[in-house]
Amino acid sequence: MSQIYGIGTDICDIRRIRAAFDRHGERFAQKVLSEAEMQTFRARSARWPDRGVRFLATRFSVKEAFSKAIGLGMRMPMTWRHCEVGRLPSGQPTIVLHGALKEWCATRQLRSHVTLSDETDYATSQVIVEQTA
């Protein structure tokens, strides 16, 4: 049996992410993205820079929503790089956790579900975290 542990939602102005990226360059992306996400970000940016910024914005949004759903906000053990947005073989987005955040969630038997979307100016995401057991 499982129960809802938390729900988080976020909407992100892609223009704000673009401005931060323009100011700080790849350093900003490296602060927010895991190594695997950085590879995808670089590949998308190389082909079409706007697509890379939208990728960065959706990941930023998901991580904000996840931090709200687990009730920590952006404080330890929640960090940008310990929360990664991956994809299942079907293409469905999934949250992959690392380090202390992975241990924190495992101890509480938490499992997450995520959806994300973006348009020209906005990225949005919703995360539901359930507690199993």
Protein backbone atom coordinates (compact mmCIF):
# COMPACT_ATOMS: atom_id res chain seq x y z
CA MET A 1 0.00 0.00 0.00
CA SER A 2 1.22 3.50 -0.72
CA GLN A 3 0.16 7.01 0.15
CA ILE A 4 0.88 10.47 -1.21
CA TYR A 5 3.91 11.93 0.57
CA GLY A 6 3.89 15.22 -1.31
CA ILE A 7 3.00 17.07 -4.49
CA GLY A 8 5.10 19.76 -6.10
CA THR A 9 4.55 21.98 -9.09
CA ASP A 10 6.68 24.63 -10.74
CA ILE A 11 6.45 27.01 -13.65
CA CYS A 12 9.65 28.54 -14.92
CA ASP A 13 10.10 31.53 -17.20
CA ILE A 14 12.54 30.31 -19.86
CA ARG A 15 13.58 33.92 -20.53
CA ARG A 16 14.88 34.12 -16.94
CA ILE A 17 16.91 30.91 -17.42
CA ARG A 18 18.26 32.26 -20.71
CA ALA A 19 19.32 35.50 -18.98
CA ALA A 20 21.09 33.55 -16.21
CA PHE A 21 22.81 31.38 -18.81
CA ASP A 22 23.85 34.46 -20.81
CA ARG A 23 25.33 36.02 -17.64
CA HIS A 24 27.08 32.95 -16.23
CA GLY A 25 27.54 30.67 -19.24
CA GLU A 26 28.01 26.96 -18.87
CA ARG A 27 28.84 27.42 -15.17
CA PHE A 28 25.13 28.02 -14.54
CA ALA A 29 24.17 24.84 -16.38
CA GLN A 30 26.81 22.85 -14.47
CA LYS A 31 25.33 24.05 -11.17
CA VAL A 32 21.85 22.77 -12.10
CA LEU A 33 22.51 19.71 -14.26
CA SER A 34 24.04 16.31 -13.51
CA GLU A 35 26.84 14.99 -15.73
CA ALA A 36 24.38 12.94 -17.80
CA GLU A 37 22.08 15.95 -18.19
CA MET A 38 25.07 18.12 -19.19
CA GLN A 39 25.83 15.75 -22.07
CA THR A 40 22.28 16.09 -23.38
CA PHE A 41 22.33 19.85 -22.81
CA ARG A 42 25.56 20.24 -24.82
CA ALA A 43 24.27 18.06 -27.66
CA ARG A 44 20.99 19.96 -27.92
CA SER A 45 22.70 23.35 -27.60
CA ALA A 46 25.15 22.48 -30.38
CA ARG A 47 22.31 21.81 -32.82
CA TRP A 48 19.97 24.58 -31.71
CA PRO A 49 20.89 26.85 -28.75
CA ASP A 50 17.25 27.61 -27.85
CA ARG A 51 16.55 23.91 -27.50
CA GLY A 52 19.42 23.63 -25.01
CA VAL A 53 18.06 26.50 -22.92
CA ARG A 54 14.58 24.94 -22.90
CA PHE A 55 16.13 21.64 -21.76
CA LEU A 56 17.90 23.49 -18.93
CA ALA A 57 14.66 25.26 -17.96
CA THR A 58 12.60 22.06 -17.82
CA ARG A 59 15.22 20.37 -15.62
CA PHE A 60 15.33 23.43 -13.37
CA SER A 61 11.53 23.30 -13.09
CA VAL A 62 11.40 19.56 -12.29
CA LYS A 63 14.02 19.87 -9.57
CA GLU A 64 12.14 22.78 -8.00
CA ALA A 65 8.89 20.77 -8.09
CA PHE A 66 10.59 17.69 -6.63
CA SER A 67 12.12 19.73 -3.80
CA LYS A 68 8.64 21.01 -2.94
CA ALA A 69 7.10 17.54 -3.11
CA ILE A 70 9.59 16.11 -0.61
CA GLY A 71 9.19 19.14 1.63
CA LEU A 72 12.83 20.20 1.75
CA GLY A 73 13.07 23.01 -0.72
CA MET A 74 16.65 23.52 -1.84
CA ARG A 75 18.41 22.42 1.33
CA MET A 76 20.41 19.33 2.16
CA PRO A 77 20.21 16.60 1.20
CA MET A 78 18.34 18.11 -1.77
CA THR A 79 20.83 19.51 -4.27
CA TRP A 80 20.52 20.35 -7.95
CA ARG A 81 23.00 17.71 -9.06
CA HIS A 82 21.76 14.89 -6.79
CA CYS A 83 18.37 15.08 -8.51
CA GLU A 84 18.52 14.09 -12.17
CA VAL A 85 15.77 13.92 -14.76
CA GLY A 86 16.17 10.77 -16.82
CA ARG A 87 14.01 8.99 -19.35
CA LEU A 88 12.55 5.53 -19.37
CA PRO A 89 12.84 3.50 -22.62
CA SER A 90 9.29 4.66 -23.44
CA GLY A 91 10.44 8.29 -23.29
CA GLN A 92 8.56 8.98 -20.05
CA PRO A 93 10.54 11.28 -17.75
CA THR A 94 11.71 9.88 -14.44
CA ILE A 95 13.65 11.18 -11.48
CA VAL A 96 17.01 9.54 -10.78
CA LEU A 97 18.52 10.31 -7.39
CA HIS A 98 22.15 10.24 -6.28
CA GLY A 99 24.20 10.46 -3.10
CA ALA A 100 22.68 11.57 0.19
CA LEU A 101 19.38 12.48 -1.48
CA LYS A 102 18.99 8.93 -2.81
CA GLU A 103 19.66 7.55 0.69
CA TRP A 104 17.26 10.06 2.31
CA CYS A 105 14.43 9.05 -0.05
CA ALA A 106 15.20 5.31 0.24
CA THR A 107 15.04 5.51 4.04
CA ARG A 108 11.56 7.01 3.74
CA GLN A 109 10.57 4.59 0.96
CA LEU A 110 9.73 7.41 -1.45
CA ARG A 111 8.98 6.97 -5.12
CA SER A 112 8.31 9.82 -7.53
CA HIS A 113 6.28 10.45 -10.66
CA VAL A 114 7.00 13.42 -12.89
CA THR A 115 5.62 15.21 -15.90
CA LEU A 116 7.11 18.19 -17.67
CA SER A 117 6.34 20.45 -20.58
CA ASP A 118 7.61 23.58 -22.24
CA GLU A 119 6.45 26.21 -24.65
CA THR A 120 8.21 29.23 -26.09
CA ASP A 121 8.45 31.21 -22.83
CA TYR A 122 7.60 28.76 -20.04
CA ALA A 123 8.56 25.35 -18.68
CA THR A 124 6.30 23.59 -16.22
CA SER A 125 6.44 20.42 -14.19
CA GLN A 126 4.47 18.44 -11.66
CA VAL A 127 5.88 15.83 -9.28
CA ILE A 128 3.96 13.42 -7.08
CA VAL A 129 5.95 11.59 -4.42
CA GLU A 130 4.43 8.52 -2.86
CA GLN A 131 5.53 6.61 0.18
CA THR A 132 5.42 2.85 -0.28
CA ALA A 133 5.06 0.34 2.54
